[in-house]
């Protein structure tokens, strides 16, 4: 199995995807909390950009989601996502 370079599979969502990986390192988050966490790291990001980045991260199996009864969808890092999070931190100049 060949994994394509992130820049090819994430397209223009590379940077938002990096911030999502970093934001999810603290644990699972709902969409609104994830939007707030991502904005606190990078500044303004729209919900459409966030959802597109999440979709691509789920396709790459870096992020997983579940629907909790009575609540909305919750997103969390997979094992591969935790590895990628370390790389994201290095790329962004944060402690890994």
PDB file of N, CA and C in Angstrom:
ATOM      1  N   UNK A   1       0.841  -1.177   0.000  1.00  0.00           N
ATOM      2  CA  UNK A   1       0.000   0.000   0.000  1.00  0.00           C
ATOM      3  C   UNK A   1       0.884   1.238   0.000  1.00  0.00           C
ATOM      4  N   UNK A   2       0.634   2.133  -0.914  1.00  0.00           N
ATOM      5  CA  UNK A   2       1.392   3.372  -1.014  1.00  0.00           C
ATOM      6  C   UNK A   2       0.555   4.510  -0.463  1.00  0.00           C
ATOM      7  N   UNK A   3       1.165   5.296   0.389  1.00  0.00           N
ATOM      8  CA  UNK A   3       0.489   6.473   0.937  1.00  0.00           C
ATOM      9  C   UNK A   3       1.035   7.687   0.211  1.00  0.00           C
ATOM     10  N   UNK A   4       0.150   8.462  -0.376  1.00  0.00           N
ATOM     11  CA  UNK A   4       0.549   9.654  -1.116  1.00  0.00           C
ATOM     12  C   UNK A   4       1.033  10.728  -0.153  1.00  0.00           C
ATOM     13  N   UNK A   5       1.844  11.609  -0.672  1.00  0.00           N
ATOM     14  CA  UNK A   5       2.341  12.720   0.139  1.00  0.00           C
ATOM     15  C   UNK A   5       1.159  13.552   0.624  1.00  0.00           C
ATOM     16  N   UNK A   6       1.189  14.003   1.888  1.00  0.00           N
ATOM     17  CA  UNK A   6       0.061  14.774   2.421  1.00  0.00           C
ATOM     18  C   UNK A   6      -0.324  15.974   1.574  1.00  0.00           C
ATOM     19  N   UNK A   7       0.649  16.654   0.995  1.00  0.00           N
ATOM     20  CA  UNK A   7       0.320  17.836   0.214  1.00  0.00           C
ATOM     21  C   UNK A   7      -0.513  17.473  -1.016  1.00  0.00           C
ATOM     22  N   UNK A   8      -0.375  16.252  -1.516  1.00  0.00           N
ATOM     23  CA  UNK A   8      -1.151  15.820  -2.681  1.00  0.00           C
ATOM     24  C   UNK A   8      -2.553  15.382  -2.293  1.00  0.00           C
ATOM     25  N   UNK A   9      -2.716  14.802  -1.130  1.00  0.00           N
ATOM     26  CA  UNK A   9      -4.017  14.293  -0.747  1.00  0.00           C
ATOM     27  C   UNK A   9      -4.832  15.316   0.032  1.00  0.00           C
ATOM     28  N   UNK A  10      -4.181  16.221   0.705  1.00  0.00           N
ATOM     29  CA  UNK A  10      -4.895  17.239   1.469  1.00  0.00           C
ATOM     30  C   UNK A  10      -5.146  18.496   0.640  1.00  0.00           C
ATOM     31  N   UNK A  11      -4.494  18.604  -0.492  1.00  0.00           N
ATOM     32  CA  UNK A  11      -4.697  19.754  -1.363  1.00  0.00           C
ATOM     33  C   UNK A  11      -4.437  21.059  -0.634  1.00  0.00           C
ATOM     34  N   UNK A  12      -5.357  21.974  -0.791  1.00  0.00           N
ATOM     35  CA  UNK A  12      -5.177  23.285  -0.156  1.00  0.00           C
ATOM     36  C   UNK A  12      -5.494  23.265   1.332  1.00  0.00           C
ATOM     37  N   UNK A  13      -5.862  22.090   1.863  1.00  0.00           N
ATOM     38  CA  UNK A  13      -6.212  21.970   3.275  1.00  0.00           C
ATOM     39  C   UNK A  13      -5.053  21.480   4.134  1.00  0.00           C
ATOM     40  N   UNK A  14      -3.837  21.536   3.622  1.00  0.00           N
ATOM     41  CA  UNK A  14      -2.684  21.054   4.384  1.00  0.00           C
ATOM     42  C   UNK A  14      -2.558  21.813   5.696  1.00  0.00           C
ATOM     43  N   UNK A  15      -2.537  23.124   5.641  1.00  0.00           N
ATOM     44  CA  UNK A  15      -2.339  23.897   6.864  1.00  0.00           C
ATOM     45  C   UNK A  15      -3.495  23.716   7.854  1.00  0.00           C
ATOM     46  N   UNK A  16      -4.752  23.837   7.426  1.00  0.00           N
ATOM     47  CA  UNK A  16      -5.836  23.583   8.386  1.00  0.00           C
ATOM     48  C   UNK A  16      -5.773  22.164   8.962  1.00  0.00           C
ATOM     49  N   UNK A  17      -5.377  21.192   8.148  1.00  0.00           N
ATOM     50  CA  UNK A  17      -5.277  19.811   8.634  1.00  0.00           C
ATOM     51  C   UNK A  17      -4.208  19.691   9.721  1.00  0.00           C
ATOM     52  N   UNK A  18      -3.094  20.390   9.546  1.00  0.00           N
ATOM     53  CA  UNK A  18      -2.050  20.371  10.576  1.00  0.00           C
ATOM     54  C   UNK A  18      -2.578  20.925  11.891  1.00  0.00           C
ATOM     55  N   UNK A  19      -3.334  22.009  11.831  1.00  0.00           N
ATOM     56  CA  UNK A  19      -3.887  22.611  13.042  1.00  0.00           C
ATOM     57  C   UNK A  19      -4.922  21.695  13.689  1.00  0.00           C
ATOM     58  N   UNK A  20      -5.702  20.986  12.876  1.00  0.00           N
ATOM     59  CA  UNK A  20      -6.676  20.042  13.423  1.00  0.00           C
ATOM     60  C   UNK A  20      -5.962  18.937  14.184  1.00  0.00           C
ATOM     61  N   UNK A  21      -4.888  18.406  13.610  1.00  0.00           N
ATOM     62  CA  UNK A  21      -4.132  17.345  14.288  1.00  0.00           C
ATOM     63  C   UNK A  21      -3.595  17.832  15.626  1.00  0.00           C
ATOM     64  N   UNK A  22      -3.099  19.048  15.651  1.00  0.00           N
ATOM     65  CA  UNK A  22      -2.564  19.614  16.891  1.00  0.00           C
ATOM     66  C   UNK A  22      -3.688  19.850  17.897  1.00  0.00           C
ATOM     67  N   UNK A  23      -4.811  20.384  17.435  1.00  0.00           N
ATOM     68  CA  UNK A  23      -5.938  20.680  18.335  1.00  0.00           C
ATOM     69  C   UNK A  23      -6.522  19.409  18.947  1.00  0.00           C
ATOM     70  N   UNK A  24      -6.546  18.321  18.193  1.00  0.00           N
ATOM     71  CA  UNK A  24      -7.124  17.073  18.696  1.00  0.00           C
ATOM     72  C   UNK A  24      -6.194  16.297  19.620  1.00  0.00           C
ATOM     73  N   UNK A  25      -4.973  16.761  19.759  1.00  0.00           N
ATOM     74  CA  UNK A  25      -4.027  16.063  20.633  1.00  0.00           C
ATOM     75  C   UNK A  25      -4.485  16.068  22.087  1.00  0.00           C
ATOM     76  N   UNK A  26      -5.271  17.051  22.479  1.00  0.00           N
ATOM     77  CA  UNK A  26      -5.757  17.140  23.854  1.00  0.00           C
ATOM     78  C   UNK A  26      -6.908  16.201  24.153  1.00  0.00           C
ATOM     79  N   UNK A  27      -7.443  15.548  23.136  1.00  0.00           N
ATOM     80  CA  UNK A  27      -8.557  14.631  23.325  1.00  0.00           C
ATOM     81  C   UNK A  27      -9.664  14.910  22.334  1.00  0.00           C
ATOM     82  N   UNK A  28     -10.695  14.075  22.351  1.00  0.00           N
ATOM     83  CA  UNK A  28     -11.799  14.230  21.403  1.00  0.00           C
ATOM     84  C   UNK A  28     -12.519  15.567  21.568  1.00  0.00           C
ATOM     85  N   UNK A  29     -12.960  16.108  20.436  1.00  0.00           N
ATOM     86  CA  UNK A  29     -13.693  17.376  20.442  1.00  0.00           C
ATOM     87  C   UNK A  29     -14.856  17.316  19.466  1.00  0.00           C
ATOM     88  N   UNK A  30     -15.930  18.006  19.816  1.00  0.00           N
ATOM     89  CA  UNK A  30     -17.033  18.212  18.897  1.00  0.00           C
ATOM     90  C   UNK A  30     -16.637  19.262  17.879  1.00  0.00           C
ATOM     91  N   UNK A  31     -17.445  19.444  16.862  1.00  0.00           N
ATOM     92  CA  UNK A  31     -17.116  20.354  15.770  1.00  0.00           C
ATOM     93  C   UNK A  31     -16.925  21.791  16.239  1.00  0.00           C
ATOM     94  N   UNK A  32     -17.815  22.291  17.085  1.00  0.00           N
ATOM     95  CA  UNK A  32     -17.705  23.678  17.558  1.00  0.00           C
ATOM     96  C   UNK A  32     -16.458  23.863  18.423  1.00  0.00           C
ATOM     97  N   UNK A  33     -16.212  22.922  19.330  1.00  0.00           N
ATOM     98  CA  UNK A  33     -15.010  23.007  20.177  1.00  0.00           C
ATOM     99  C   UNK A  33     -13.752  22.894  19.334  1.00  0.00           C
ATOM    100  N   UNK A  34     -13.793  22.047  18.311  1.00  0.00           N
ATOM    101  CA  UNK A  34     -12.640  21.905  17.425  1.00  0.00           C
ATOM    102  C   UNK A  34     -12.421  23.181  16.618  1.00  0.00           C
ATOM    103  N   UNK A  35     -13.499  23.789  16.168  1.00  0.00           N
ATOM    104  CA  UNK A  35     -13.393  25.061  15.452  1.00  0.00           C
ATOM    105  C   UNK A  35     -12.752  26.113  16.350  1.00  0.00           C
ATOM    106  N   UNK A  36     -13.198  26.211  17.597  1.00  0.00           N
ATOM    107  CA  UNK A  36     -12.619  27.171  18.543  1.00  0.00           C
ATOM    108  C   UNK A  36     -11.143  26.871  18.811  1.00  0.00           C
ATOM    109  N   UNK A  37     -10.819  25.590  19.011  1.00  0.00           N
ATOM    110  CA  UNK A  37      -9.432  25.204  19.299  1.00  0.00           C
ATOM    111  C   UNK A  37      -8.527  25.498  18.111  1.00  0.00           C
ATOM    112  N   UNK A  38      -9.017  25.230  16.919  1.00  0.00           N
ATOM    113  CA  UNK A  38      -8.227  25.488  15.717  1.00  0.00           C
ATOM    114  C   UNK A  38      -8.031  26.980  15.519  1.00  0.00           C
ATOM    115  N   UNK A  39      -9.079  27.746  15.755  1.00  0.00           N
ATOM    116  CA  UNK A  39      -8.964  29.205  15.630  1.00  0.00           C
ATOM    117  C   UNK A  39      -7.988  29.771  16.658  1.00  0.00           C
ATOM    118  N   UNK A  40      -7.945  29.194  17.854  1.00  0.00           N
ATOM    119  CA  UNK A  40      -7.022  29.702  18.872  1.00  0.00           C
ATOM    120  C   UNK A  40      -5.566  29.430  18.491  1.00  0.00           C
ATOM    121  N   UNK A  41      -5.340  28.437  17.655  1.00  0.00           N
ATOM    122  CA  UNK A  41      -3.977  28.123  17.209  1.00  0.00           C
ATOM    123  C   UNK A  41      -3.564  28.928  15.993  1.00  0.00           C
ATOM    124  N   UNK A  42      -4.509  29.156  15.072  1.00  0.00           N
ATOM    125  CA  UNK A  42      -4.146  29.701  13.775  1.00  0.00           C
ATOM    126  C   UNK A  42      -4.867  30.984  13.394  1.00  0.00           C
ATOM    127  N   UNK A  43      -5.861  31.380  14.140  1.00  0.00           N
ATOM    128  CA  UNK A  43      -6.614  32.550  13.744  1.00  0.00           C
ATOM    129  C   UNK A  43      -7.860  32.149  12.995  1.00  0.00           C
ATOM    130  N   UNK A  44      -8.401  33.038  12.162  1.00  0.00           N
ATOM    131  CA  UNK A  44      -9.685  32.757  11.520  1.00  0.00           C
ATOM    132  C   UNK A  44      -9.633  31.550  10.578  1.00  0.00           C
ATOM    133  N   UNK A  45     -10.558  30.650  10.777  1.00  0.00           N
ATOM    134  CA  UNK A  45     -10.751  29.512   9.878  1.00  0.00           C
ATOM    135  C   UNK A  45     -12.261  29.306   9.795  1.00  0.00           C
ATOM    136  N   UNK A  46     -12.748  29.118   8.603  1.00  0.00           N
ATOM    137  CA  UNK A  46     -14.183  28.948   8.428  1.00  0.00           C
ATOM    138  C   UNK A  46     -14.623  27.515   8.677  1.00  0.00           C
ATOM    139  N   UNK A  47     -15.893  27.345   9.014  1.00  0.00           N
ATOM    140  CA  UNK A  47     -16.396  26.000   9.261  1.00  0.00           C
ATOM    141  C   UNK A  47     -16.305  25.103   8.023  1.00  0.00           C
ATOM    142  N   UNK A  48     -16.476  25.666   6.847  1.00  0.00           N
ATOM    143  CA  UNK A  48     -16.365  24.868   5.621  1.00  0.00           C
ATOM    144  C   UNK A  48     -14.965  24.322   5.422  1.00  0.00           C
ATOM    145  N   UNK A  49     -13.967  25.151   5.684  1.00  0.00           N
ATOM    146  CA  UNK A  49     -12.576  24.720   5.567  1.00  0.00           C
ATOM    147  C   UNK A  49     -12.277  23.633   6.591  1.00  0.00           C
ATOM    148  N   UNK A  50     -12.791  23.817   7.802  1.00  0.00           N
ATOM    149  CA  UNK A  50     -12.571  22.825   8.853  1.00  0.00           C
ATOM    150  C   UNK A  50     -13.203  21.483   8.479  1.00  0.00           C
ATOM    151  N   UNK A  51     -14.433  21.507   8.009  1.00  0.00           N
ATOM    152  CA  UNK A  51     -15.128  20.270   7.639  1.00  0.00           C
ATOM    153  C   UNK A  51     -14.416  19.583   6.472  1.00  0.00           C
ATOM    154  N   UNK A  52     -13.945  20.355   5.497  1.00  0.00           N
ATOM    155  CA  UNK A  52     -13.217  19.773   4.368  1.00  0.00           C
ATOM    156  C   UNK A  52     -11.911  19.127   4.835  1.00  0.00           C
ATOM    157  N   UNK A  53     -11.193  19.799   5.728  1.00  0.00           N
ATOM    158  CA  UNK A  53      -9.946  19.239   6.263  1.00  0.00           C
ATOM    159  C   UNK A  53     -10.242  17.961   7.056  1.00  0.00           C
ATOM    160  N   UNK A  54     -11.291  17.979   7.875  1.00  0.00           N
ATOM    161  CA  UNK A  54     -11.670  16.788   8.643  1.00  0.00           C
ATOM    162  C   UNK A  54     -12.025  15.627   7.723  1.00  0.00           C
ATOM    163  N   UNK A  55     -12.759  15.903   6.665  1.00  0.00           N
ATOM    164  CA  UNK A  55     -13.139  14.859   5.716  1.00  0.00           C
ATOM    165  C   UNK A  55     -11.912  14.199   5.114  1.00  0.00           C
ATOM    166  N   UNK A  56     -10.953  15.004   4.727  1.00  0.00           N
ATOM    167  CA  UNK A  56      -9.725  14.459   4.132  1.00  0.00           C
ATOM    168  C   UNK A  56      -8.895  13.712   5.171  1.00  0.00           C
ATOM    169  N   UNK A  57      -8.858  14.213   6.402  1.00  0.00           N
ATOM    170  CA  UNK A  57      -8.131  13.513   7.465  1.00  0.00           C
ATOM    171  C   UNK A  57      -8.783  12.172   7.791  1.00  0.00           C
ATOM    172  N   UNK A  58     -10.107  12.125   7.739  1.00  0.00           N
ATOM    173  CA  UNK A  58     -10.806  10.845   7.965  1.00  0.00           C
ATOM    174  C   UNK A  58     -10.521   9.868   6.824  1.00  0.00           C
ATOM    175  N   UNK A  59     -10.481  10.360   5.598  1.00  0.00           N
ATOM    176  CA  UNK A  59     -10.164   9.511   4.452  1.00  0.00           C
ATOM    177  C   UNK A  59      -8.771   8.909   4.598  1.00  0.00           C
ATOM    178  N   UNK A  60      -7.845   9.692   5.130  1.00  0.00           N
ATOM    179  CA  UNK A  60      -6.472   9.222   5.341  1.00  0.00           C
ATOM    180  C   UNK A  60      -6.324   8.407   6.628  1.00  0.00           C
ATOM    181  N   UNK A  61      -7.422   8.263   7.362  1.00  0.00           N
ATOM    182  CA  UNK A  61      -7.461   7.520   8.627  1.00  0.00           C
ATOM    183  C   UNK A  61      -6.557   8.120   9.699  1.00  0.00           C
ATOM    184  N   UNK A  62      -6.439   9.443   9.665  1.00  0.00           N
ATOM    185  CA  UNK A  62      -5.696  10.155  10.696  1.00  0.00           C
ATOM    186  C   UNK A  62      -6.631  10.635  11.798  1.00  0.00           C
ATOM    187  N   UNK A  63      -7.894  10.789  11.460  1.00  0.00           N
ATOM    188  CA  UNK A  63      -8.924  11.233  12.395  1.00  0.00           C
ATOM    189  C   UNK A  63     -10.111  10.284  12.260  1.00  0.00           C
ATOM    190  N   UNK A  64     -10.738   9.996  13.391  1.00  0.00           N
ATOM    191  CA  UNK A  64     -11.923   9.147  13.428  1.00  0.00           C
ATOM    192  C   UNK A  64     -13.027   9.944  14.102  1.00  0.00           C
ATOM    193  N   UNK A  65     -14.272   9.599  13.818  1.00  0.00           N
ATOM    194  CA  UNK A  65     -15.382  10.306  14.454  1.00  0.00           C
ATOM    195  C   UNK A  65     -16.471   9.321  14.845  1.00  0.00           C
ATOM    196  N   UNK A  66     -17.227   9.708  15.842  1.00  0.00           N
ATOM    197  CA  UNK A  66     -18.379   8.951  16.314  1.00  0.00           C
ATOM    198  C   UNK A  66     -19.493   9.929  16.635  1.00  0.00           C
ATOM    199  N   UNK A  67     -20.718   9.446  16.532  1.00  0.00           N
ATOM    200  CA  UNK A  67     -21.856  10.237  16.971  1.00  0.00           C
ATOM    201  C   UNK A  67     -22.243   9.725  18.349  1.00  0.00           C
ATOM    202  N   UNK A  68     -22.264  10.636  19.309  1.00  0.00           N
ATOM    203  CA  UNK A  68     -22.653  10.288  20.669  1.00  0.00           C
ATOM    204  C   UNK A  68     -24.141  10.602  20.809  1.00  0.00           C
ATOM    205  N   UNK A  69     -24.942   9.611  21.262  1.00  0.00           N
ATOM    206  CA  UNK A  69     -26.383   9.858  21.387  1.00  0.00           C
ATOM    207  C   UNK A  69     -26.681  11.121  22.203  1.00  0.00           C
ATOM    208  N   UNK A  70     -27.555  11.948  21.663  1.00  0.00           N
ATOM    209  CA  UNK A  70     -27.922  13.188  22.335  1.00  0.00           C
ATOM    210  C   UNK A  70     -26.933  14.320  22.118  1.00  0.00           C
ATOM    211  N   UNK A  71     -25.873  14.047  21.393  1.00  0.00           N
ATOM    212  CA  UNK A  71     -24.857  15.066  21.100  1.00  0.00           C
ATOM    213  C   UNK A  71     -24.521  15.024  19.622  1.00  0.00           C
ATOM    214  N   UNK A  72     -23.582  15.812  19.243  1.00  0.00           N
ATOM    215  CA  UNK A  72     -23.166  15.821  17.841  1.00  0.00           C
ATOM    216  C   UNK A  72     -21.971  14.885  17.641  1.00  0.00           C
ATOM    217  N   UNK A  73     -21.422  14.927  16.472  1.00  0.00           N
ATOM    218  CA  UNK A  73     -20.257  14.112  16.133  1.00  0.00           C
ATOM    219  C   UNK A  73     -19.035  14.581  16.928  1.00  0.00           C
ATOM    220  N   UNK A  74     -18.225  13.621  17.367  1.00  0.00           N
ATOM    221  CA  UNK A  74     -16.996  13.906  18.115  1.00  0.00           C
ATOM    222  C   UNK A  74     -15.826  13.348  17.306  1.00  0.00           C
ATOM    223  N   UNK A  75     -14.782  14.148  17.190  1.00  0.00           N
ATOM    224  CA  UNK A  75     -13.600  13.776  16.411  1.00  0.00           C
ATOM    225  C   UNK A  75     -12.435  13.491  17.345  1.00  0.00           C
ATOM    226  N   UNK A  76     -11.609  12.500  16.952  1.00  0.00           N
ATOM    227  CA  UNK A  76     -10.417  12.158  17.739  1.00  0.00           C
ATOM    228  C   UNK A  76      -9.326  11.644  16.806  1.00  0.00           C
ATOM    229  N   UNK A  77      -8.087  11.727  17.285  1.00  0.00           N
ATOM    230  CA  UNK A  77      -6.955  11.218  16.520  1.00  0.00           C
ATOM    231  C   UNK A  77      -6.931   9.695  16.553  1.00  0.00           C
ATOM    232  N   UNK A  78      -6.536   9.091  15.448  1.00  0.00           N
ATOM    233  CA  UNK A  78      -6.260   7.667  15.419  1.00  0.00           C
ATOM    234  C   UNK A  78      -4.789   7.483  15.789  1.00  0.00           C
ATOM    235  N   UNK A  79      -4.329   6.262  15.826  1.00  0.00           N
ATOM    236  CA  UNK A  79      -2.904   6.023  16.102  1.00  0.00           C
ATOM    237  C   UNK A  79      -2.055   6.675  15.020  1.00  0.00           C
ATOM    238  N   UNK A  80      -2.466   6.523  13.766  1.00  0.00           N
ATOM    239  CA  UNK A  80      -1.741   7.192  12.677  1.00  0.00           C
ATOM    240  C   UNK A  80      -1.791   8.708  12.835  1.00  0.00           C
ATOM    241  N   UNK A  81      -2.917   9.210  13.303  1.00  0.00           N
ATOM    242  CA  UNK A  81      -3.064  10.642  13.529  1.00  0.00           C
ATOM    243  C   UNK A  81      -2.120  11.152  14.608  1.00  0.00           C
ATOM    244  N   UNK A  82      -1.882  10.341  15.640  1.00  0.00           N
ATOM    245  CA  UNK A  82      -0.939  10.746  16.698  1.00  0.00           C
ATOM    246  C   UNK A  82       0.480  10.854  16.143  1.00  0.00           C
ATOM    247  N   UNK A  83       0.834   9.930  15.262  1.00  0.00           N
ATOM    248  CA  UNK A  83       2.155   9.997  14.624  1.00  0.00           C
ATOM    249  C   UNK A  83       2.236  11.245  13.747  1.00  0.00           C
ATOM    250  N   UNK A  84       1.197  11.479  12.960  1.00  0.00           N
ATOM    251  CA  UNK A  84       1.170  12.656  12.091  1.00  0.00           C
ATOM    252  C   UNK A  84       1.159  13.946  12.896  1.00  0.00           C
ATOM    253  N   UNK A  85       0.559  13.921  14.074  1.00  0.00           N
ATOM    254  CA  UNK A  85       0.515  15.109  14.933  1.00  0.00           C
ATOM    255  C   UNK A  85       1.919  15.540  15.314  1.00  0.00           C
ATOM    256  N   UNK A  86       2.786  14.576  15.603  1.00  0.00           N
ATOM    257  CA  UNK A  86       4.178  14.910  15.906  1.00  0.00           C
ATOM    258  C   UNK A  86       4.848  15.602  14.741  1.00  0.00           C
ATOM    259  N   UNK A  87       4.589  15.132  13.532  1.00  0.00           N
ATOM    260  CA  UNK A  87       5.138  15.767  12.335  1.00  0.00           C
ATOM    261  C   UNK A  87       4.549  17.150  12.136  1.00  0.00           C
ATOM    262  N   UNK A  88       3.250  17.286  12.398  1.00  0.00           N
ATOM    263  CA  UNK A  88       2.587  18.589  12.267  1.00  0.00           C
ATOM    264  C   UNK A  88       3.212  19.597  13.211  1.00  0.00           C
ATOM    265  N   UNK A  89       3.515  19.169  14.428  1.00  0.00           N
ATOM    266  CA  UNK A  89       4.117  20.066  15.397  1.00  0.00           C
ATOM    267  C   UNK A  89       5.493  20.526  14.941  1.00  0.00           C
ATOM    268  N   UNK A  90       6.253  19.608  14.387  1.00  0.00           N
ATOM    269  CA  UNK A  90       7.592  19.949  13.899  1.00  0.00           C
ATOM    270  C   UNK A  90       7.493  20.955  12.755  1.00  0.00           C
ATOM    271  N   UNK A  91       6.561  20.689  11.814  1.00  0.00           N
ATOM    272  CA  UNK A  91       6.373  21.590  10.683  1.00  0.00           C
ATOM    273  C   UNK A  91       5.975  22.984  11.154  1.00  0.00           C
ATOM    274  N   UNK A  92       5.123  23.046  12.171  1.00  0.00           N
ATOM    275  CA  UNK A  92       4.638  24.326  12.679  1.00  0.00           C
ATOM    276  C   UNK A  92       5.553  24.950  13.722  1.00  0.00           C
ATOM    277  N   UNK A  93       6.653  24.281  14.071  1.00  0.00           N
ATOM    278  CA  UNK A  93       7.598  24.840  15.028  1.00  0.00           C
ATOM    279  C   UNK A  93       7.133  24.765  16.459  1.00  0.00           C
ATOM    280  N   UNK A  94       6.281  23.797  16.779  1.00  0.00           N
ATOM    281  CA  UNK A  94       5.785  23.599  18.150  1.00  0.00           C
ATOM    282  C   UNK A  94       6.489  22.394  18.756  1.00  0.00           C
ATOM    283  N   UNK A  95       6.488  22.264  20.080  1.00  0.00           N
ATOM    284  CA  UNK A  95       7.064  21.066  20.676  1.00  0.00           C
ATOM    285  C   UNK A  95       6.263  19.829  20.267  1.00  0.00           C
ATOM    286  N   UNK A  96       6.940  18.766  19.900  1.00  0.00           N
ATOM    287  CA  UNK A  96       6.273  17.538  19.448  1.00  0.00           C
ATOM    288  C   UNK A  96       5.684  16.766  20.599  1.00  0.00           C
TER     289      UNK A  96
END
